[in-house]
Amino acid sequence: MKCEELLQYLSDYIDQELEEELNSEAQEHLATCQNCRVVLDSTQQTIFLFREQGKRTIPAQSRVRLFNQLQDAFIKSKTSE
């Protein structure tokens, strides 16, 4: 497997959705290619950070204040029509 091929299958490799033969080829390539290991690691870390970011919630007080501001803006826009 060449670098270009690995990049083509990277998402499926990360999701463990590659056929056994392709998965073996990807693992062999990663064992010898530092650049592709860096790409794989960076991609996995990006996915992890994105998922962790999605777990954050807005505190209740801030959420209520934001909702009220949006509602006020909506009402003002309707009355100015």
PDB file of N, CA and C in Angstrom:
ATOM      1  N   MET A   1       0.856  -1.182   0.000  1.00  0.00           N
ATOM      2  CA  MET A   1       0.000   0.000   0.000  1.00  0.00           C
ATOM      3  C   MET A   1       0.893   1.233   0.000  1.00  0.00           C
ATOM      4  N   LYS A   2       0.498   2.226  -0.776  1.00  0.00           N
ATOM      5  CA  LYS A   2       1.224   3.496  -0.840  1.00  0.00           C
ATOM      6  C   LYS A   2       0.494   4.533   0.015  1.00  0.00           C
ATOM      7  N   CYS A   3       1.189   5.624   0.271  1.00  0.00           N
ATOM      8  CA  CYS A   3       0.627   6.682   1.119  1.00  0.00           C
ATOM      9  C   CYS A   3      -0.727   7.173   0.602  1.00  0.00           C
ATOM     10  N   GLU A   4      -0.824   7.386  -0.694  1.00  0.00           N
ATOM     11  CA  GLU A   4      -2.063   7.889  -1.285  1.00  0.00           C
ATOM     12  C   GLU A   4      -3.226   6.932  -1.030  1.00  0.00           C
ATOM     13  N   GLU A   5      -2.945   5.644  -1.126  1.00  0.00           N
ATOM     14  CA  GLU A   5      -3.993   4.647  -0.879  1.00  0.00           C
ATOM     15  C   GLU A   5      -4.415   4.661   0.583  1.00  0.00           C
ATOM     16  N   LEU A   6      -3.424   4.766   1.475  1.00  0.00           N
ATOM     17  CA  LEU A   6      -3.756   4.797   2.894  1.00  0.00           C
ATOM     18  C   LEU A   6      -4.661   5.988   3.201  1.00  0.00           C
ATOM     19  N   LEU A   7      -4.330   7.140   2.643  1.00  0.00           N
ATOM     20  CA  LEU A   7      -5.156   8.327   2.884  1.00  0.00           C
ATOM     21  C   LEU A   7      -6.576   8.130   2.368  1.00  0.00           C
ATOM     22  N   GLN A   8      -6.701   7.412   1.274  1.00  0.00           N
ATOM     23  CA  GLN A   8      -8.024   7.135   0.708  1.00  0.00           C
ATOM     24  C   GLN A   8      -8.867   6.296   1.668  1.00  0.00           C
ATOM     25  N   TYR A   9      -8.216   5.386   2.383  1.00  0.00           N
ATOM     26  CA  TYR A   9      -8.920   4.474   3.281  1.00  0.00           C
ATOM     27  C   TYR A   9      -8.817   4.867   4.757  1.00  0.00           C
ATOM     28  N   LEU A  10      -8.236   6.020   5.039  1.00  0.00           N
ATOM     29  CA  LEU A  10      -7.942   6.394   6.421  1.00  0.00           C
ATOM     30  C   LEU A  10      -9.183   6.420   7.310  1.00  0.00           C
ATOM     31  N   SER A  11     -10.242   7.005   6.833  1.00  0.00           N
ATOM     32  CA  SER A  11     -11.470   7.080   7.626  1.00  0.00           C
ATOM     33  C   SER A  11     -12.005   5.693   7.964  1.00  0.00           C
ATOM     34  N   ASP A  12     -12.050   4.830   6.966  1.00  0.00           N
ATOM     35  CA  ASP A  12     -12.517   3.463   7.213  1.00  0.00           C
ATOM     36  C   ASP A  12     -11.562   2.707   8.133  1.00  0.00           C
ATOM     37  N   TYR A  13     -10.265   2.983   8.015  1.00  0.00           N
ATOM     38  CA  TYR A  13      -9.284   2.339   8.895  1.00  0.00           C
ATOM     39  C   TYR A  13      -9.528   2.757  10.340  1.00  0.00           C
ATOM     40  N   ILE A  14      -9.709   4.048  10.558  1.00  0.00           N
ATOM     41  CA  ILE A  14      -9.953   4.558  11.909  1.00  0.00           C
ATOM     42  C   ILE A  14     -11.237   3.972  12.480  1.00  0.00           C
ATOM     43  N   ASP A  15     -12.263   3.878  11.655  1.00  0.00           N
ATOM     44  CA  ASP A  15     -13.559   3.342  12.095  1.00  0.00           C
ATOM     45  C   ASP A  15     -13.584   1.815  12.142  1.00  0.00           C
ATOM     46  N   GLN A  16     -12.464   1.190  11.813  1.00  0.00           N
ATOM     47  CA  GLN A  16     -12.325  -0.267  11.795  1.00  0.00           C
ATOM     48  C   GLN A  16     -13.360  -0.913  10.874  1.00  0.00           C
ATOM     49  N   GLU A  17     -13.502  -0.321   9.682  1.00  0.00           N
ATOM     50  CA  GLU A  17     -14.469  -0.808   8.705  1.00  0.00           C
ATOM     51  C   GLU A  17     -13.810  -1.311   7.421  1.00  0.00           C
ATOM     52  N   LEU A  18     -12.501  -1.512   7.462  1.00  0.00           N
ATOM     53  CA  LEU A  18     -11.809  -2.026   6.284  1.00  0.00           C
ATOM     54  C   LEU A  18     -11.906  -3.546   6.231  1.00  0.00           C
ATOM     55  N   GLU A  19     -11.914  -4.065   5.024  1.00  0.00           N
ATOM     56  CA  GLU A  19     -11.835  -5.513   4.862  1.00  0.00           C
ATOM     57  C   GLU A  19     -10.504  -5.976   5.433  1.00  0.00           C
ATOM     58  N   GLU A  20     -10.454  -7.216   5.834  1.00  0.00           N
ATOM     59  CA  GLU A  20      -9.268  -7.748   6.515  1.00  0.00           C
ATOM     60  C   GLU A  20      -7.983  -7.550   5.713  1.00  0.00           C
ATOM     61  N   GLU A  21      -8.046  -7.809   4.417  1.00  0.00           N
ATOM     62  CA  GLU A  21      -6.851  -7.682   3.581  1.00  0.00           C
ATOM     63  C   GLU A  21      -6.352  -6.238   3.527  1.00  0.00           C
ATOM     64  N   LEU A  22      -7.268  -5.285   3.312  1.00  0.00           N
ATOM     65  CA  LEU A  22      -6.882  -3.874   3.277  1.00  0.00           C
ATOM     66  C   LEU A  22      -6.379  -3.414   4.639  1.00  0.00           C
ATOM     67  N   ASN A  23      -6.995  -3.887   5.684  1.00  0.00           N
ATOM     68  CA  ASN A  23      -6.567  -3.523   7.029  1.00  0.00           C
ATOM     69  C   ASN A  23      -5.129  -3.992   7.275  1.00  0.00           C
ATOM     70  N   SER A  24      -4.813  -5.203   6.855  1.00  0.00           N
ATOM     71  CA  SER A  24      -3.448  -5.731   7.003  1.00  0.00           C
ATOM     72  C   SER A  24      -2.453  -4.904   6.207  1.00  0.00           C
ATOM     73  N   GLU A  25      -2.833  -4.540   4.983  1.00  0.00           N
ATOM     74  CA  GLU A  25      -1.955  -3.720   4.147  1.00  0.00           C
ATOM     75  C   GLU A  25      -1.720  -2.353   4.795  1.00  0.00           C
ATOM     76  N   ALA A  26      -2.780  -1.766   5.358  1.00  0.00           N
ATOM     77  CA  ALA A  26      -2.660  -0.468   6.015  1.00  0.00           C
ATOM     78  C   ALA A  26      -1.732  -0.571   7.224  1.00  0.00           C
ATOM     79  N   GLN A  27      -1.876  -1.612   8.002  1.00  0.00           N
ATOM     80  CA  GLN A  27      -1.027  -1.794   9.177  1.00  0.00           C
ATOM     81  C   GLN A  27       0.436  -1.987   8.776  1.00  0.00           C
ATOM     82  N   GLU A  28       0.674  -2.746   7.725  1.00  0.00           N
ATOM     83  CA  GLU A  28       2.043  -2.937   7.231  1.00  0.00           C
ATOM     84  C   GLU A  28       2.640  -1.602   6.792  1.00  0.00           C
ATOM     85  N   HIS A  29       1.850  -0.818   6.078  1.00  0.00           N
ATOM     86  CA  HIS A  29       2.344   0.483   5.613  1.00  0.00           C
ATOM     87  C   HIS A  29       2.630   1.394   6.808  1.00  0.00           C
ATOM     88  N   LEU A  30       1.722   1.434   7.759  1.00  0.00           N
ATOM     89  CA  LEU A  30       1.913   2.294   8.936  1.00  0.00           C
ATOM     90  C   LEU A  30       3.145   1.887   9.745  1.00  0.00           C
ATOM     91  N   ALA A  31       3.494   0.625   9.703  1.00  0.00           N
ATOM     92  CA  ALA A  31       4.670   0.146  10.438  1.00  0.00           C
ATOM     93  C   ALA A  31       5.972   0.685   9.851  1.00  0.00           C
ATOM     94  N   THR A  32       5.931   1.087   8.591  1.00  0.00           N
ATOM     95  CA  THR A  32       7.158   1.543   7.934  1.00  0.00           C
ATOM     96  C   THR A  32       7.130   3.003   7.502  1.00  0.00           C
ATOM     97  N   CYS A  33       6.006   3.685   7.644  1.00  0.00           N
ATOM     98  CA  CYS A  33       5.884   5.059   7.133  1.00  0.00           C
ATOM     99  C   CYS A  33       5.577   6.032   8.269  1.00  0.00           C
ATOM    100  N   GLN A  34       6.576   6.767   8.667  1.00  0.00           N
ATOM    101  CA  GLN A  34       6.420   7.744   9.750  1.00  0.00           C
ATOM    102  C   GLN A  34       5.414   8.831   9.383  1.00  0.00           C
ATOM    103  N   ASN A  35       5.431   9.299   8.149  1.00  0.00           N
ATOM    104  CA  ASN A  35       4.521  10.366   7.731  1.00  0.00           C
ATOM    105  C   ASN A  35       3.058   9.942   7.876  1.00  0.00           C
ATOM    106  N   CYS A  36       2.756   8.742   7.457  1.00  0.00           N
ATOM    107  CA  CYS A  36       1.374   8.263   7.555  1.00  0.00           C
ATOM    108  C   CYS A  36       0.966   8.026   9.008  1.00  0.00           C
ATOM    109  N   ARG A  37       1.920   7.612   9.838  1.00  0.00           N
ATOM    110  CA  ARG A  37       1.607   7.455  11.271  1.00  0.00           C
ATOM    111  C   ARG A  37       1.274   8.807  11.886  1.00  0.00           C
ATOM    112  N   VAL A  38       1.989   9.855  11.471  1.00  0.00           N
ATOM    113  CA  VAL A  38       1.708  11.202  11.970  1.00  0.00           C
ATOM    114  C   VAL A  38       0.323  11.652  11.516  1.00  0.00           C
ATOM    115  N   VAL A  39      -0.002  11.404  10.251  1.00  0.00           N
ATOM    116  CA  VAL A  39      -1.325  11.766   9.732  1.00  0.00           C
ATOM    117  C   VAL A  39      -2.414  11.012  10.495  1.00  0.00           C
ATOM    118  N   LEU A  40      -2.218   9.724  10.705  1.00  0.00           N
ATOM    119  CA  LEU A  40      -3.193   8.919  11.442  1.00  0.00           C
ATOM    120  C   LEU A  40      -3.366   9.449  12.861  1.00  0.00           C
ATOM    121  N   ASP A  41      -2.261   9.685  13.551  1.00  0.00           N
ATOM    122  CA  ASP A  41      -2.321  10.168  14.928  1.00  0.00           C
ATOM    123  C   ASP A  41      -3.000  11.532  15.000  1.00  0.00           C
ATOM    124  N   SER A  42      -2.638  12.432  14.108  1.00  0.00           N
ATOM    125  CA  SER A  42      -3.249  13.776  14.095  1.00  0.00           C
ATOM    126  C   SER A  42      -4.748  13.701  13.827  1.00  0.00           C
ATOM    127  N   THR A  43      -5.127  12.851  12.900  1.00  0.00           N
ATOM    128  CA  THR A  43      -6.547  12.698  12.580  1.00  0.00           C
ATOM    129  C   THR A  43      -7.314  12.131  13.761  1.00  0.00           C
ATOM    130  N   GLN A  44      -6.751  11.114  14.411  1.00  0.00           N
ATOM    131  CA  GLN A  44      -7.421  10.531  15.577  1.00  0.00           C
ATOM    132  C   GLN A  44      -7.535  11.542  16.715  1.00  0.00           C
ATOM    133  N   GLN A  45      -6.503  12.335  16.922  1.00  0.00           N
ATOM    134  CA  GLN A  45      -6.564  13.348  17.971  1.00  0.00           C
ATOM    135  C   GLN A  45      -7.589  14.434  17.649  1.00  0.00           C
ATOM    136  N   THR A  46      -7.680  14.816  16.388  1.00  0.00           N
ATOM    137  CA  THR A  46      -8.676  15.805  15.968  1.00  0.00           C
ATOM    138  C   THR A  46     -10.083  15.284  16.220  1.00  0.00           C
ATOM    139  N   ILE A  47     -10.324  14.031  15.879  1.00  0.00           N
ATOM    140  CA  ILE A  47     -11.635  13.418  16.107  1.00  0.00           C
ATOM    141  C   ILE A  47     -11.948  13.398  17.603  1.00  0.00           C
ATOM    142  N   PHE A  48     -10.966  13.020  18.419  1.00  0.00           N
ATOM    143  CA  PHE A  48     -11.148  12.977  19.862  1.00  0.00           C
ATOM    144  C   PHE A  48     -11.504  14.359  20.407  1.00  0.00           C
ATOM    145  N   LEU A  49     -10.758  15.382  19.993  1.00  0.00           N
ATOM    146  CA  LEU A  49     -11.023  16.742  20.477  1.00  0.00           C
ATOM    147  C   LEU A  49     -12.401  17.229  20.048  1.00  0.00           C
ATOM    148  N   PHE A  50     -12.785  16.917  18.815  1.00  0.00           N
ATOM    149  CA  PHE A  50     -14.105  17.311  18.327  1.00  0.00           C
ATOM    150  C   PHE A  50     -15.203  16.661  19.164  1.00  0.00           C
ATOM    151  N   ARG A  51     -15.045  15.379  19.460  1.00  0.00           N
ATOM    152  CA  ARG A  51     -16.053  14.675  20.257  1.00  0.00           C
ATOM    153  C   ARG A  51     -16.118  15.220  21.681  1.00  0.00           C
ATOM    154  N   GLU A  52     -14.969  15.529  22.260  1.00  0.00           N
ATOM    155  CA  GLU A  52     -14.934  16.079  23.613  1.00  0.00           C
ATOM    156  C   GLU A  52     -15.590  17.464  23.648  1.00  0.00           C
ATOM    157  N   GLN A  53     -15.355  18.245  22.616  1.00  0.00           N
ATOM    158  CA  GLN A  53     -15.955  19.580  22.538  1.00  0.00           C
ATOM    159  C   GLN A  53     -17.470  19.491  22.510  1.00  0.00           C
ATOM    160  N   GLY A  54     -18.001  18.491  21.835  1.00  0.00           N
ATOM    161  CA  GLY A  54     -19.444  18.321  21.721  1.00  0.00           C
ATOM    162  C   GLY A  54     -20.114  17.962  23.028  1.00  0.00           C
ATOM    163  N   LYS A  55     -19.341  17.531  24.013  1.00  0.00           N
ATOM    164  CA  LYS A  55     -19.913  17.138  25.293  1.00  0.00           C
ATOM    165  C   LYS A  55     -20.134  18.326  26.228  1.00  0.00           C
ATOM    166  N   ARG A  56     -19.636  19.477  25.848  1.00  0.00           N
ATOM    167  CA  ARG A  56     -19.800  20.660  26.682  1.00  0.00           C
ATOM    168  C   ARG A  56     -21.233  21.173  26.587  1.00  0.00           C
ATOM    169  N   THR A  57     -21.715  21.684  27.690  1.00  0.00           N
ATOM    170  CA  THR A  57     -23.057  22.256  27.703  1.00  0.00           C
ATOM    171  C   THR A  57     -22.987  23.697  28.189  1.00  0.00           C
ATOM    172  N   ILE A  58     -23.965  24.467  27.799  1.00  0.00           N
ATOM    173  CA  ILE A  58     -24.061  25.849  28.254  1.00  0.00           C
ATOM    174  C   ILE A  58     -24.706  25.829  29.634  1.00  0.00           C
ATOM    175  N   PRO A  59     -24.124  26.544  30.598  1.00  0.00           N
ATOM    176  CA  PRO A  59     -24.738  26.603  31.928  1.00  0.00           C
ATOM    177  C   PRO A  59     -26.174  27.121  31.838  1.00  0.00           C
ATOM    178  N   ALA A  60     -27.028  26.638  32.720  1.00  0.00           N
ATOM    179  CA  ALA A  60     -28.465  26.953  32.677  1.00  0.00           C
ATOM    180  C   ALA A  60     -28.720  28.458  32.649  1.00  0.00           C
ATOM    181  N   GLN A  61     -28.048  29.210  33.497  1.00  0.00           N
ATOM    182  CA  GLN A  61     -28.277  30.660  33.552  1.00  0.00           C
ATOM    183  C   GLN A  61     -27.913  31.323  32.225  1.00  0.00           C
ATOM    184  N   SER A  62     -26.808  30.931  31.641  1.00  0.00           N
ATOM    185  CA  SER A  62     -26.406  31.489  30.349  1.00  0.00           C
ATOM    186  C   SER A  62     -27.370  31.068  29.251  1.00  0.00           C
ATOM    187  N   ARG A  63     -27.839  29.838  29.310  1.00  0.00           N
ATOM    188  CA  ARG A  63     -28.776  29.332  28.309  1.00  0.00           C
ATOM    189  C   ARG A  63     -30.085  30.123  28.352  1.00  0.00           C
ATOM    190  N   VAL A  64     -30.579  30.403  29.560  1.00  0.00           N
ATOM    191  CA  VAL A  64     -31.822  31.174  29.709  1.00  0.00           C
ATOM    192  C   VAL A  64     -31.617  32.588  29.190  1.00  0.00           C
ATOM    193  N   ARG A  65     -30.490  33.201  29.530  1.00  0.00           N
ATOM    194  CA  ARG A  65     -30.212  34.573  29.069  1.00  0.00           C
ATOM    195  C   ARG A  65     -30.124  34.613  27.547  1.00  0.00           C
ATOM    196  N   LEU A  66     -29.443  33.652  26.954  1.00  0.00           N
ATOM    197  CA  LEU A  66     -29.327  33.593  25.502  1.00  0.00           C
ATOM    198  C   LEU A  66     -30.689  33.394  24.848  1.00  0.00           C
ATOM    199  N   PHE A  67     -31.494  32.484  25.383  1.00  0.00           N
ATOM    200  CA  PHE A  67     -32.830  32.245  24.840  1.00  0.00           C
ATOM    201  C   PHE A  67     -33.665  33.523  24.904  1.00  0.00           C
ATOM    202  N   ASN A  68     -33.597  34.242  26.033  1.00  0.00           N
ATOM    203  CA  ASN A  68     -34.370  35.482  26.180  1.00  0.00           C
ATOM    204  C   ASN A  68     -33.917  36.535  25.180  1.00  0.00           C
ATOM    205  N   GLN A  69     -32.605  36.632  24.954  1.00  0.00           N
ATOM    206  CA  GLN A  69     -32.097  37.595  23.980  1.00  0.00           C
ATOM    207  C   GLN A  69     -32.568  37.246  22.571  1.00  0.00           C
ATOM    208  N   LEU A  70     -32.541  35.970  22.244  1.00  0.00           N
ATOM    209  CA  LEU A  70     -33.014  35.546  20.925  1.00  0.00           C
ATOM    210  C   LEU A  70     -34.506  35.801  20.763  1.00  0.00           C
ATOM    211  N   GLN A  71     -35.258  35.511  21.815  1.00  0.00           N
ATOM    212  CA  GLN A  71     -36.701  35.733  21.764  1.00  0.00           C
ATOM    213  C   GLN A  71     -37.010  37.218  21.613  1.00  0.00           C
ATOM    214  N   ASP A  72     -36.319  38.083  22.352  1.00  0.00           N
ATOM    215  CA  ASP A  72     -36.520  39.536  22.240  1.00  0.00           C
ATOM    216  C   ASP A  72     -36.195  40.026  20.832  1.00  0.00           C
ATOM    217  N   ALA A  73     -35.093  39.522  20.280  1.00  0.00           N
ATOM    218  CA  ALA A  73     -34.704  39.926  18.925  1.00  0.00           C
ATOM    219  C   ALA A  73     -35.736  39.473  17.907  1.00  0.00           C
ATOM    220  N   PHE A  74     -36.271  38.274  18.085  1.00  0.00           N
ATOM    221  CA  PHE A  74     -37.296  37.762  17.181  1.00  0.00           C
ATOM    222  C   PHE A  74     -38.559  38.614  17.261  1.00  0.00           C
ATOM    223  N   ILE A  75     -38.991  38.939  18.479  1.00  0.00           N
ATOM    224  CA  ILE A  75     -40.192  39.760  18.659  1.00  0.00           C
ATOM    225  C   ILE A  75     -39.992  41.136  18.041  1.00  0.00           C
ATOM    226  N   LYS A  76     -38.841  41.738  18.256  1.00  0.00           N
ATOM    227  CA  LYS A  76     -38.554  43.068  17.688  1.00  0.00           C
ATOM    228  C   LYS A  76     -38.556  43.015  16.159  1.00  0.00           C
ATOM    229  N   SER A  77     -38.046  41.930  15.590  1.00  0.00           N
ATOM    230  CA  SER A  77     -38.011  41.844  14.140  1.00  0.00           C
ATOM    231  C   SER A  77     -39.421  41.679  13.565  1.00  0.00           C
ATOM    232  N   LYS A  78     -40.300  41.016  14.299  1.00  0.00           N
ATOM    233  CA  LYS A  78     -41.691  40.826  13.844  1.00  0.00           C
ATOM    234  C   LYS A  78     -42.492  42.110  13.958  1.00  0.00           C
ATOM    235  N   THR A  79     -42.240  42.904  15.004  1.00  0.00           N
ATOM    236  CA  THR A  79     -43.005  44.142  15.196  1.00  0.00           C
ATOM    237  C   THR A  79     -42.541  45.247  14.249  1.00  0.00           C
ATOM    238  N   SER A  80     -41.312  45.141  13.730  1.00  0.00           N
ATOM    239  CA  SER A  80     -40.825  46.169  12.818  1.00  0.00           C
ATOM    240  C   SER A  80     -41.201  45.890  11.372  1.00  0.00           C
ATOM    241  N   GLU A  81     -41.850  44.793  11.102  1.00  0.00           N
ATOM    242  CA  GLU A  81     -42.260  44.457   9.720  1.00  0.00           C
ATOM    243  C   GLU A  81     -43.464  45.230   9.293  1.00  0.00           C
TER     244      GLU A  81
END
